């Protein structure tokens, strides 16, 4: 067991499970689960998830050791765009997790790929072959390494900013400029540890954007990554006041459209082939969930 000890802020009046989720990296649902299992104590006594904090309490959280995860082959359909003996380029659908993690032990892209082929072992048994990731509710292209040599080459290209990653997104509001660069550091949010934010002392993050089409109250935007921080495009677009439509974390509360997540698609990827030295570039069509919203916007 790992133990986390917190001291509630004065006059917080928040529910226990909510307070824990906001001040640790534990999700609210997991915090609630721990309280139900008697693993959370307030001032030495077991407490329920609905317990309202008054301020100044000592909160002790006993977190069980994580279960050992391993990605196992599963017969899951995978949209393969290109494949050879070194790498594979896939088009991930919205809603699919890239690799196993607590809460998503299987049914991921990696599980499906392992059923189809062998992958690089550099990232261990949970993230084999994964050189870069896209969020669960982001669709689009990513390259996965089959061999360790390919993995090292592709990772180096990303680190040295030699690989191309271009995204399309629909954002709220009308961006004044036709194009621009957002050069703002990104790090873990100081209070909500499940979120990222533009913060002083964060890691360098650079996003180039270009407005492709304007609508009433919205824009279709092309974003090109120079760096690859967690949630980078989502955080940067929200930072300049134009959050991505449907983003449940960084977006606006009342959206006009019903979506299953942010309208963000990894449209183009480019890199130098690890063994042949050939410059390779792949482009993907915008998925139906994305084009449906575009068609509605064009009719306004």
Foldseek 3Di string as FASTA:
>chain_A
DDKDKDFFAAQPQDFQLVQCQQADVDHSVVSQVQLVVQQKDWQRHRDHRRDTDRGGIIIMGDDDDDDDAFQAADQDDWAWPDDDQWKTKTKFAAQAFAWADVVRRYPHVSNHVVNVAAFACPVHRTHGQDLAGDHNRATTIDMGTRYPLQSVQVNVCQVVLNKKWKKKFKWFFDDPDQWDKDWFAKDADPGNRNDIERDPPHHTWMKIKGFDDDFVGMTIMMIIGSHHDVCRVQRRCLVVPIHTQFAPPSDDDDGPDDDPHGRMYRAKIWDQGSPPRDTDMDGDDRDPRNVVVVVVRVVD
